[in-house]
Amino acid sequence: MFGHTHLPMTFIQTESGAVNYSEAPEIELRENCRYLVNVGSVGQPRDGDPRASFGILDTAERRVTILRESYDILSAQRRIIEQGLPAVLAERLAYGS
């Protein structure tokens, strides 16, 4: 699992070597497959969904779940501006882009 690329997605390499791509929020982890799970970004999501994006790996159930959570975007925008960061960073929070 990794993040910070801002786009939640999973790449799955099957036993035959084929690579598949999924944007499903829940992935069942099968034997003999390899997974690259990008959980997205808690801040600055860029997939059109402004909610924070994060993942949970359940090793007992062999499942990865990508979750979304709303947060106080206006407060985050205000703090970005107060810190003197570029306004575009604050603006994009509202759109998830």
PDB file of N, CA and C in Angstrom:
ATOM      1  N   MET A   1       0.845  -1.166   0.000  1.00  0.00           N
ATOM      2  CA  MET A   1       0.000   0.000   0.000  1.00  0.00           C
ATOM      3  C   MET A   1       0.894   1.233   0.000  1.00  0.00           C
ATOM      4  N   PHE A   2       0.447   2.225  -0.732  1.00  0.00           N
ATOM      5  CA  PHE A   2       1.158   3.487  -0.785  1.00  0.00           C
ATOM      6  C   PHE A   2       0.157   4.590  -1.082  1.00  0.00           C
ATOM      7  N   GLY A   3       0.579   5.791  -0.943  1.00  0.00           N
ATOM      8  CA  GLY A   3      -0.300   6.926  -1.209  1.00  0.00           C
ATOM      9  C   GLY A   3       0.505   8.093  -1.727  1.00  0.00           C
ATOM     10  N   HIS A   4      -0.047   9.243  -1.563  1.00  0.00           N
ATOM     11  CA  HIS A   4       0.556  10.522  -1.911  1.00  0.00           C
ATOM     12  C   HIS A   4       0.587  10.789  -3.418  1.00  0.00           C
ATOM     13  N   THR A   5       0.084   9.902  -4.229  1.00  0.00           N
ATOM     14  CA  THR A   5      -0.016  10.204  -5.652  1.00  0.00           C
ATOM     15  C   THR A   5      -1.380  10.796  -5.971  1.00  0.00           C
ATOM     16  N   HIS A   6      -2.230  10.878  -4.954  1.00  0.00           N
ATOM     17  CA  HIS A   6      -3.503  11.588  -5.018  1.00  0.00           C
ATOM     18  C   HIS A   6      -4.629  10.841  -5.731  1.00  0.00           C
ATOM     19  N   LEU A   7      -4.379   9.672  -6.293  1.00  0.00           N
ATOM     20  CA  LEU A   7      -5.401   8.941  -7.052  1.00  0.00           C
ATOM     21  C   LEU A   7      -5.552   7.524  -6.512  1.00  0.00           C
ATOM     22  N   PRO A   8      -6.691   7.204  -5.857  1.00  0.00           N
ATOM     23  CA  PRO A   8      -6.863   5.846  -5.346  1.00  0.00           C
ATOM     24  C   PRO A   8      -7.081   4.851  -6.488  1.00  0.00           C
ATOM     25  N   MET A   9      -6.270   3.795  -6.497  1.00  0.00           N
ATOM     26  CA  MET A   9      -6.376   2.767  -7.533  1.00  0.00           C
ATOM     27  C   MET A   9      -5.555   1.557  -7.114  1.00  0.00           C
ATOM     28  N   THR A  10      -5.824   0.429  -7.740  1.00  0.00           N
ATOM     29  CA  THR A  10      -5.082  -0.798  -7.461  1.00  0.00           C
ATOM     30  C   THR A  10      -4.638  -1.433  -8.762  1.00  0.00           C
ATOM     31  N   PHE A  11      -3.379  -1.844  -8.794  1.00  0.00           N
ATOM     32  CA  PHE A  11      -2.855  -2.629  -9.907  1.00  0.00           C
ATOM     33  C   PHE A  11      -2.671  -4.047  -9.404  1.00  0.00           C
ATOM     34  N   ILE A  12      -3.140  -5.010 -10.180  1.00  0.00           N
ATOM     35  CA  ILE A  12      -3.109  -6.413  -9.787  1.00  0.00           C
ATOM     36  C   ILE A  12      -2.355  -7.198 -10.851  1.00  0.00           C
ATOM     37  N   GLN A  13      -1.303  -7.884 -10.431  1.00  0.00           N
ATOM     38  CA  GLN A  13      -0.590  -8.771 -11.350  1.00  0.00           C
ATOM     39  C   GLN A  13      -1.016 -10.199 -11.031  1.00  0.00           C
ATOM     40  N   THR A  14      -1.613 -10.855 -12.019  1.00  0.00           N
ATOM     41  CA  THR A  14      -2.093 -12.224 -11.830  1.00  0.00           C
ATOM     42  C   THR A  14      -0.932 -13.211 -11.921  1.00  0.00           C
ATOM     43  N   GLU A  15      -1.223 -14.445 -11.592  1.00  0.00           N
ATOM     44  CA  GLU A  15      -0.211 -15.498 -11.634  1.00  0.00           C
ATOM     45  C   GLU A  15       0.395 -15.640 -13.033  1.00  0.00           C
ATOM     46  N   SER A  16      -0.396 -15.365 -14.064  1.00  0.00           N
ATOM     47  CA  SER A  16       0.100 -15.467 -15.443  1.00  0.00           C
ATOM     48  C   SER A  16       0.980 -14.282 -15.837  1.00  0.00           C
ATOM     49  N   GLY A  17       1.002 -13.241 -15.000  1.00  0.00           N
ATOM     50  CA  GLY A  17       1.803 -12.061 -15.288  1.00  0.00           C
ATOM     51  C   GLY A  17       1.005 -10.900 -15.853  1.00  0.00           C
ATOM     52  N   ALA A  18      -0.263 -11.138 -16.182  1.00  0.00           N
ATOM     53  CA  ALA A  18      -1.113 -10.059 -16.691  1.00  0.00           C
ATOM     54  C   ALA A  18      -1.337  -9.028 -15.591  1.00  0.00           C
ATOM     55  N   VAL A  19      -1.395  -7.761 -15.982  1.00  0.00           N
ATOM     56  CA  VAL A  19      -1.619  -6.685 -15.018  1.00  0.00           C
ATOM     57  C   VAL A  19      -2.981  -6.061 -15.289  1.00  0.00           C
ATOM     58  N   ASN A  20      -3.799  -6.021 -14.258  1.00  0.00           N
ATOM     59  CA  ASN A  20      -5.129  -5.419 -14.333  1.00  0.00           C
ATOM     60  C   ASN A  20      -5.158  -4.190 -13.433  1.00  0.00           C
ATOM     61  N   TYR A  21      -6.117  -3.333 -13.700  1.00  0.00           N
ATOM     62  CA  TYR A  21      -6.268  -2.064 -12.984  1.00  0.00           C
ATOM     63  C   TYR A  21      -7.685  -2.003 -12.436  1.00  0.00           C
ATOM     64  N   SER A  22      -7.832  -1.497 -11.205  1.00  0.00           N
ATOM     65  CA  SER A  22      -9.160  -1.387 -10.614  1.00  0.00           C
ATOM     66  C   SER A  22      -9.267  -0.103  -9.801  1.00  0.00           C
ATOM     67  N   GLU A  23     -10.447   0.514  -9.858  1.00  0.00           N
ATOM     68  CA  GLU A  23     -10.762   1.653  -8.990  1.00  0.00           C
ATOM     69  C   GLU A  23     -11.780   1.250  -7.932  1.00  0.00           C
ATOM     70  N   ALA A  24     -12.031  -0.051  -7.793  1.00  0.00           N
ATOM     71  CA  ALA A  24     -12.998  -0.543  -6.805  1.00  0.00           C
ATOM     72  C   ALA A  24     -12.535  -0.168  -5.398  1.00  0.00           C
ATOM     73  N   PRO A  25     -13.466   0.221  -4.523  1.00  0.00           N
ATOM     74  CA  PRO A  25     -13.072   0.607  -3.173  1.00  0.00           C
ATOM     75  C   PRO A  25     -12.710  -0.576  -2.277  1.00  0.00           C
ATOM     76  N   GLU A  26     -13.027  -1.788  -2.717  1.00  0.00           N
ATOM     77  CA  GLU A  26     -12.682  -2.966  -1.924  1.00  0.00           C
ATOM     78  C   GLU A  26     -12.088  -4.028  -2.841  1.00  0.00           C
ATOM     79  N   ILE A  27     -10.950  -4.571  -2.440  1.00  0.00           N
ATOM     80  CA  ILE A  27     -10.247  -5.571  -3.233  1.00  0.00           C
ATOM     81  C   ILE A  27     -10.011  -6.798  -2.359  1.00  0.00           C
ATOM     82  N   GLU A  28     -10.441  -7.948  -2.846  1.00  0.00           N
ATOM     83  CA  GLU A  28     -10.138  -9.209  -2.174  1.00  0.00           C
ATOM     84  C   GLU A  28      -8.762  -9.659  -2.651  1.00  0.00           C
ATOM     85  N   LEU A  29      -7.881  -9.952  -1.709  1.00  0.00           N
ATOM     86  CA  LEU A  29      -6.510 -10.331  -2.038  1.00  0.00           C
ATOM     87  C   LEU A  29      -6.436 -11.836  -2.276  1.00  0.00           C
ATOM     88  N   ARG A  30      -6.185 -12.210  -3.521  1.00  0.00           N
ATOM     89  CA  ARG A  30      -6.126 -13.621  -3.897  1.00  0.00           C
ATOM     90  C   ARG A  30      -4.693 -14.140  -3.792  1.00  0.00           C
ATOM     91  N   GLU A  31      -4.582 -15.439  -3.552  1.00  0.00           N
ATOM     92  CA  GLU A  31      -3.277 -16.098  -3.537  1.00  0.00           C
ATOM     93  C   GLU A  31      -2.628 -15.954  -4.909  1.00  0.00           C
ATOM     94  N   ASN A  32      -1.318 -15.940  -4.938  1.00  0.00           N
ATOM     95  CA  ASN A  32      -0.537 -15.931  -6.177  1.00  0.00           C
ATOM     96  C   ASN A  32      -0.737 -14.688  -7.042  1.00  0.00           C
ATOM     97  N   CYS A  33      -1.227 -13.618  -6.459  1.00  0.00           N
ATOM     98  CA  CYS A  33      -1.329 -12.340  -7.164  1.00  0.00           C
ATOM     99  C   CYS A  33      -0.495 -11.315  -6.401  1.00  0.00           C
ATOM    100  N   ARG A  34      -0.057 -10.310  -7.107  1.00  0.00           N
ATOM    101  CA  ARG A  34       0.668  -9.199  -6.495  1.00  0.00           C
ATOM    102  C   ARG A  34      -0.189  -7.948  -6.637  1.00  0.00           C
ATOM    103  N   TYR A  35      -0.120  -7.098  -5.628  1.00  0.00           N
ATOM    104  CA  TYR A  35      -0.970  -5.914  -5.592  1.00  0.00           C
ATOM    105  C   TYR A  35      -0.150  -4.663  -5.314  1.00  0.00           C
ATOM    106  N   LEU A  36      -0.444  -3.609  -6.038  1.00  0.00           N
ATOM    107  CA  LEU A  36       0.018  -2.263  -5.720  1.00  0.00           C
ATOM    108  C   LEU A  36      -1.245  -1.464  -5.439  1.00  0.00           C
ATOM    109  N   VAL A  37      -1.446  -1.136  -4.181  1.00  0.00           N
ATOM    110  CA  VAL A  37      -2.668  -0.446  -3.774  1.00  0.00           C
ATOM    111  C   VAL A  37      -2.318   0.987  -3.409  1.00  0.00           C
ATOM    112  N   ASN A  38      -2.820   1.916  -4.193  1.00  0.00           N
ATOM    113  CA  ASN A  38      -2.648   3.332  -3.920  1.00  0.00           C
ATOM    114  C   ASN A  38      -3.916   3.802  -3.216  1.00  0.00           C
ATOM    115  N   VAL A  39      -3.784   4.179  -1.965  1.00  0.00           N
ATOM    116  CA  VAL A  39      -4.960   4.557  -1.177  1.00  0.00           C
ATOM    117  C   VAL A  39      -5.409   5.994  -1.430  1.00  0.00           C
ATOM    118  N   GLY A  40      -4.685   6.711  -2.274  1.00  0.00           N
ATOM    119  CA  GLY A  40      -5.071   8.086  -2.598  1.00  0.00           C
ATOM    120  C   GLY A  40      -4.357   9.082  -1.716  1.00  0.00           C
ATOM    121  N   SER A  41      -5.088  10.074  -1.236  1.00  0.00           N
ATOM    122  CA  SER A  41      -4.476  11.158  -0.482  1.00  0.00           C
ATOM    123  C   SER A  41      -5.453  11.699   0.552  1.00  0.00           C
ATOM    124  N   VAL A  42      -4.976  11.829   1.776  1.00  0.00           N
ATOM    125  CA  VAL A  42      -5.812  12.441   2.808  1.00  0.00           C
ATOM    126  C   VAL A  42      -5.977  13.926   2.507  1.00  0.00           C
ATOM    127  N   GLY A  43      -4.936  14.552   2.013  1.00  0.00           N
ATOM    128  CA  GLY A  43      -4.984  15.953   1.603  1.00  0.00           C
ATOM    129  C   GLY A  43      -4.713  16.057   0.116  1.00  0.00           C
ATOM    130  N   GLN A  44      -5.330  16.989  -0.534  1.00  0.00           N
ATOM    131  CA  GLN A  44      -5.139  17.235  -1.963  1.00  0.00           C
ATOM    132  C   GLN A  44      -5.539  16.056  -2.851  1.00  0.00           C
ATOM    133  N   PRO A  45      -6.691  15.392  -2.617  1.00  0.00           N
ATOM    134  CA  PRO A  45      -7.112  14.351  -3.551  1.00  0.00           C
ATOM    135  C   PRO A  45      -7.314  14.957  -4.939  1.00  0.00           C
ATOM    136  N   ARG A  46      -7.051  14.164  -5.962  1.00  0.00           N
ATOM    137  CA  ARG A  46      -7.125  14.708  -7.321  1.00  0.00           C
ATOM    138  C   ARG A  46      -7.950  13.823  -8.244  1.00  0.00           C
ATOM    139  N   ASP A  47      -8.938  13.170  -7.682  1.00  0.00           N
ATOM    140  CA  ASP A  47      -9.788  12.291  -8.494  1.00  0.00           C
ATOM    141  C   ASP A  47     -11.209  12.818  -8.610  1.00  0.00           C
ATOM    142  N   GLY A  48     -11.407  14.104  -8.299  1.00  0.00           N
ATOM    143  CA  GLY A  48     -12.731  14.701  -8.403  1.00  0.00           C
ATOM    144  C   GLY A  48     -13.586  14.524  -7.163  1.00  0.00           C
ATOM    145  N   ASP A  49     -13.064  13.860  -6.142  1.00  0.00           N
ATOM    146  CA  ASP A  49     -13.782  13.651  -4.881  1.00  0.00           C
ATOM    147  C   ASP A  49     -12.979  14.357  -3.790  1.00  0.00           C
ATOM    148  N   PRO A  50     -13.504  15.442  -3.210  1.00  0.00           N
ATOM    149  CA  PRO A  50     -12.720  16.226  -2.260  1.00  0.00           C
ATOM    150  C   PRO A  50     -12.532  15.578  -0.887  1.00  0.00           C
ATOM    151  N   ARG A  51     -13.208  14.473  -0.618  1.00  0.00           N
ATOM    152  CA  ARG A  51     -13.064  13.832   0.691  1.00  0.00           C
ATOM    153  C   ARG A  51     -11.675  13.196   0.834  1.00  0.00           C
ATOM    154  N   ALA A  52     -11.211  13.107   2.070  1.00  0.00           N
ATOM    155  CA  ALA A  52      -9.942  12.436   2.348  1.00  0.00           C
ATOM    156  C   ALA A  52     -10.060  10.974   1.934  1.00  0.00           C
ATOM    157  N   SER A  53      -8.978  10.418   1.413  1.00  0.00           N
ATOM    158  CA  SER A  53      -8.953   9.034   0.944  1.00  0.00           C
ATOM    159  C   SER A  53      -7.844   8.284   1.671  1.00  0.00           C
ATOM    160  N   PHE A  54      -8.192   7.119   2.231  1.00  0.00           N
ATOM    161  CA  PHE A  54      -7.204   6.316   2.956  1.00  0.00           C
ATOM    162  C   PHE A  54      -7.603   4.853   2.875  1.00  0.00           C
ATOM    163  N   GLY A  55      -6.717   3.961   3.279  1.00  0.00           N
ATOM    164  CA  GLY A  55      -7.002   2.541   3.135  1.00  0.00           C
ATOM    165  C   GLY A  55      -6.788   1.757   4.412  1.00  0.00           C
ATOM    166  N   ILE A  56      -7.470   0.616   4.475  1.00  0.00           N
ATOM    167  CA  ILE A  56      -7.306  -0.330   5.574  1.00  0.00           C
ATOM    168  C   ILE A  56      -6.962  -1.684   4.969  1.00  0.00           C
ATOM    169  N   LEU A  57      -5.878  -2.268   5.458  1.00  0.00           N
ATOM    170  CA  LEU A  57      -5.471  -3.603   5.047  1.00  0.00           C
ATOM    171  C   LEU A  57      -5.880  -4.567   6.146  1.00  0.00           C
ATOM    172  N   ASP A  58      -6.755  -5.505   5.820  1.00  0.00           N
ATOM    173  CA  ASP A  58      -7.206  -6.528   6.766  1.00  0.00           C
ATOM    174  C   ASP A  58      -6.533  -7.836   6.365  1.00  0.00           C
ATOM    175  N   THR A  59      -5.461  -8.193   7.066  1.00  0.00           N
ATOM    176  CA  THR A  59      -4.713  -9.392   6.701  1.00  0.00           C
ATOM    177  C   THR A  59      -5.474 -10.668   7.033  1.00  0.00           C
ATOM    178  N   ALA A  60      -6.300 -10.652   8.068  1.00  0.00           N
ATOM    179  CA  ALA A  60      -7.077 -11.844   8.425  1.00  0.00           C
ATOM    180  C   ALA A  60      -8.116 -12.159   7.353  1.00  0.00           C
ATOM    181  N   GLU A  61      -8.767 -11.130   6.831  1.00  0.00           N
ATOM    182  CA  GLU A  61      -9.798 -11.312   5.800  1.00  0.00           C
ATOM    183  C   GLU A  61      -9.230 -11.239   4.386  1.00  0.00           C
ATOM    184  N   ARG A  62      -7.944 -10.911   4.271  1.00  0.00           N
ATOM    185  CA  ARG A  62      -7.277 -10.774   2.972  1.00  0.00           C
ATOM    186  C   ARG A  62      -8.039  -9.785   2.085  1.00  0.00           C
ATOM    187  N   ARG A  63      -8.157  -8.568   2.605  1.00  0.00           N
ATOM    188  CA  ARG A  63      -8.934  -7.546   1.912  1.00  0.00           C
ATOM    189  C   ARG A  63      -8.311  -6.170   2.145  1.00  0.00           C
ATOM    190  N   VAL A  64      -8.380  -5.342   1.118  1.00  0.00           N
ATOM    191  CA  VAL A  64      -8.009  -3.930   1.228  1.00  0.00           C
ATOM    192  C   VAL A  64      -9.261  -3.117   0.944  1.00  0.00           C
ATOM    193  N   THR A  65      -9.520  -2.151   1.798  1.00  0.00           N
ATOM    194  CA  THR A  65     -10.673  -1.275   1.617  1.00  0.00           C
ATOM    195  C   THR A  65     -10.187   0.168   1.576  1.00  0.00           C
ATOM    196  N   ILE A  66     -10.571   0.874   0.528  1.00  0.00           N
ATOM    197  CA  ILE A  66     -10.258   2.295   0.416  1.00  0.00           C
ATOM    198  C   ILE A  66     -11.496   3.062   0.875  1.00  0.00           C
ATOM    199  N   LEU A  67     -11.298   3.924   1.847  1.00  0.00           N
ATOM    200  CA  LEU A  67     -12.400   4.663   2.460  1.00  0.00           C
ATOM    201  C   LEU A  67     -12.277   6.150   2.153  1.00  0.00           C
ATOM    202  N   ARG A  68     -13.405   6.837   2.223  1.00  0.00           N
ATOM    203  CA  ARG A  68     -13.447   8.291   2.037  1.00  0.00           C
ATOM    204  C   ARG A  68     -14.093   8.894   3.277  1.00  0.00           C
ATOM    205  N   GLU A  69     -13.597  10.060   3.669  1.00  0.00           N
ATOM    206  CA  GLU A  69     -14.118  10.738   4.849  1.00  0.00           C
ATOM    207  C   GLU A  69     -14.190  12.239   4.583  1.00  0.00           C
ATOM    208  N   SER A  70     -15.337  12.812   4.869  1.00  0.00           N
ATOM    209  CA  SER A  70     -15.493  14.263   4.739  1.00  0.00           C
ATOM    210  C   SER A  70     -14.745  14.960   5.871  1.00  0.00           C
ATOM    211  N   TYR A  71     -14.315  16.171   5.629  1.00  0.00           N
ATOM    212  CA  TYR A  71     -13.652  16.965   6.654  1.00  0.00           C
ATOM    213  C   TYR A  71     -13.972  18.434   6.408  1.00  0.00           C
ATOM    214  N   ASP A  72     -13.565  19.280   7.318  1.00  0.00           N
ATOM    215  CA  ASP A  72     -13.854  20.709   7.245  1.00  0.00           C
ATOM    216  C   ASP A  72     -12.926  21.372   6.219  1.00  0.00           C
ATOM    217  N   ILE A  73     -13.351  21.372   4.969  1.00  0.00           N
ATOM    218  CA  ILE A  73     -12.533  21.905   3.880  1.00  0.00           C
ATOM    219  C   ILE A  73     -12.289  23.403   4.058  1.00  0.00           C
ATOM    220  N   LEU A  74     -13.313  24.142   4.473  1.00  0.00           N
ATOM    221  CA  LEU A  74     -13.144  25.594   4.648  1.00  0.00           C
ATOM    222  C   LEU A  74     -12.055  25.915   5.664  1.00  0.00           C
ATOM    223  N   SER A  75     -12.021  25.162   6.751  1.00  0.00           N
ATOM    224  CA  SER A  75     -10.988  25.373   7.763  1.00  0.00           C
ATOM    225  C   SER A  75      -9.602  25.059   7.201  1.00  0.00           C
ATOM    226  N   ALA A  76      -9.495  23.977   6.450  1.00  0.00           N
ATOM    227  CA  ALA A  76      -8.211  23.613   5.837  1.00  0.00           C
ATOM    228  C   ALA A  76      -7.774  24.678   4.835  1.00  0.00           C
ATOM    229  N   GLN A  77      -8.721  25.187   4.054  1.00  0.00           N
ATOM    230  CA  GLN A  77      -8.395  26.239   3.087  1.00  0.00           C
ATOM    231  C   GLN A  77      -7.887  27.496   3.801  1.00  0.00           C
ATOM    232  N   ARG A  78      -8.547  27.852   4.872  1.00  0.00           N
ATOM    233  CA  ARG A  78      -8.152  29.042   5.631  1.00  0.00           C
ATOM    234  C   ARG A  78      -6.722  28.889   6.172  1.00  0.00           C
ATOM    235  N   ARG A  79      -6.399  27.716   6.693  1.00  0.00           N
ATOM    236  CA  ARG A  79      -5.053  27.491   7.237  1.00  0.00           C
ATOM    237  C   ARG A  79      -3.989  27.522   6.139  1.00  0.00           C
ATOM    238  N   ILE A  80      -4.321  27.015   4.968  1.00  0.00           N
ATOM    239  CA  ILE A  80      -3.375  27.055   3.843  1.00  0.00           C
ATOM    240  C   ILE A  80      -3.041  28.502   3.498  1.00  0.00           C
ATOM    241  N   ILE A  81      -4.073  29.337   3.393  1.00  0.00           N
ATOM    242  CA  ILE A  81      -3.877  30.757   3.062  1.00  0.00           C
ATOM    243  C   ILE A  81      -3.102  31.459   4.180  1.00  0.00           C
ATOM    244  N   GLU A  82      -3.458  31.170   5.450  1.00  0.00           N
ATOM    245  CA  GLU A  82      -2.771  31.797   6.585  1.00  0.00           C
ATOM    246  C   GLU A  82      -1.281  31.478   6.607  1.00  0.00           C
ATOM    247  N   GLN A  83      -0.907  30.317   6.106  1.00  0.00           N
ATOM    248  CA  GLN A  83       0.504  29.918   6.080  1.00  0.00           C
ATOM    249  C   GLN A  83       1.253  30.507   4.888  1.00  0.00           C
ATOM    250  N   GLY A  84       0.534  31.250   4.043  1.00  0.00           N
ATOM    251  CA  GLY A  84       1.177  31.897   2.908  1.00  0.00           C
ATOM    252  C   GLY A  84       1.422  30.982   1.720  1.00  0.00           C
ATOM    253  N   LEU A  85       0.757  29.843   1.702  1.00  0.00           N
ATOM    254  CA  LEU A  85       0.897  28.923   0.567  1.00  0.00           C
ATOM    255  C   LEU A  85       0.079  29.430  -0.617  1.00  0.00           C
ATOM    256  N   PRO A  86       0.377  28.959  -1.822  1.00  0.00           N
ATOM    257  CA  PRO A  86      -0.365  29.414  -3.004  1.00  0.00           C
ATOM    258  C   PRO A  86      -1.873  29.148  -2.880  1.00  0.00           C
ATOM    259  N   ALA A  87      -2.675  30.118  -3.267  1.00  0.00           N
ATOM    260  CA  ALA A  87      -4.134  30.016  -3.167  1.00  0.00           C
ATOM    261  C   ALA A  87      -4.681  28.815  -3.930  1.00  0.00           C
ATOM    262  N   VAL A  88      -4.028  28.425  -5.020  1.00  0.00           N
ATOM    263  CA  VAL A  88      -4.515  27.292  -5.806  1.00  0.00           C
ATOM    264  C   VAL A  88      -4.553  26.014  -4.966  1.00  0.00           C
ATOM    265  N   LEU A  89      -3.643  25.881  -4.007  1.00  0.00           N
ATOM    266  CA  LEU A  89      -3.646  24.699  -3.146  1.00  0.00           C
ATOM    267  C   LEU A  89      -4.886  24.667  -2.262  1.00  0.00           C
ATOM    268  N   ALA A  90      -5.325  25.830  -1.819  1.00  0.00           N
ATOM    269  CA  ALA A  90      -6.547  25.906  -1.018  1.00  0.00           C
ATOM    270  C   ALA A  90      -7.782  25.686  -1.888  1.00  0.00           C
ATOM    271  N   GLU A  91      -7.793  26.301  -3.050  1.00  0.00           N
ATOM    272  CA  GLU A  91      -8.962  26.216  -3.935  1.00  0.00           C
ATOM    273  C   GLU A  91      -9.238  24.790  -4.391  1.00  0.00           C
ATOM    274  N   ARG A  92      -8.193  24.046  -4.725  1.00  0.00           N
ATOM    275  CA  ARG A  92      -8.404  22.712  -5.279  1.00  0.00           C
ATOM    276  C   ARG A  92      -8.986  21.736  -4.258  1.00  0.00           C
ATOM    277  N   LEU A  93      -8.872  22.032  -2.957  1.00  0.00           N
ATOM    278  CA  LEU A  93      -9.456  21.149  -1.949  1.00  0.00           C
ATOM    279  C   LEU A  93     -10.957  20.984  -2.143  1.00  0.00           C
ATOM    280  N   ALA A  94     -11.630  22.040  -2.569  1.00  0.00           N
ATOM    281  CA  ALA A  94     -13.085  22.002  -2.725  1.00  0.00           C
ATOM    282  C   ALA A  94     -13.529  21.128  -3.888  1.00  0.00           C
ATOM    283  N   TYR A  95     -12.635  20.890  -4.832  1.00  0.00           N
ATOM    284  CA  TYR A  95     -13.011  20.162  -6.048  1.00  0.00           C
ATOM    285  C   TYR A  95     -12.379  18.786  -6.155  1.00  0.00           C
ATOM    286  N   GLY A  96     -11.380  18.507  -5.327  1.00  0.00           N
ATOM    287  CA  GLY A  96     -10.692  17.228  -5.423  1.00  0.00           C
ATOM    288  C   GLY A  96      -9.929  17.098  -6.722  1.00  0.00           C
ATOM    289  N   SER A  97      -9.322  18.195  -7.147  1.00  0.00           N
ATOM    290  CA  SER A  97      -8.554  18.156  -8.401  1.00  0.00           C
ATOM    291  C   SER A  97      -7.250  18.918  -8.258  1.00  0.00           C
TER     292      SER A  97
END
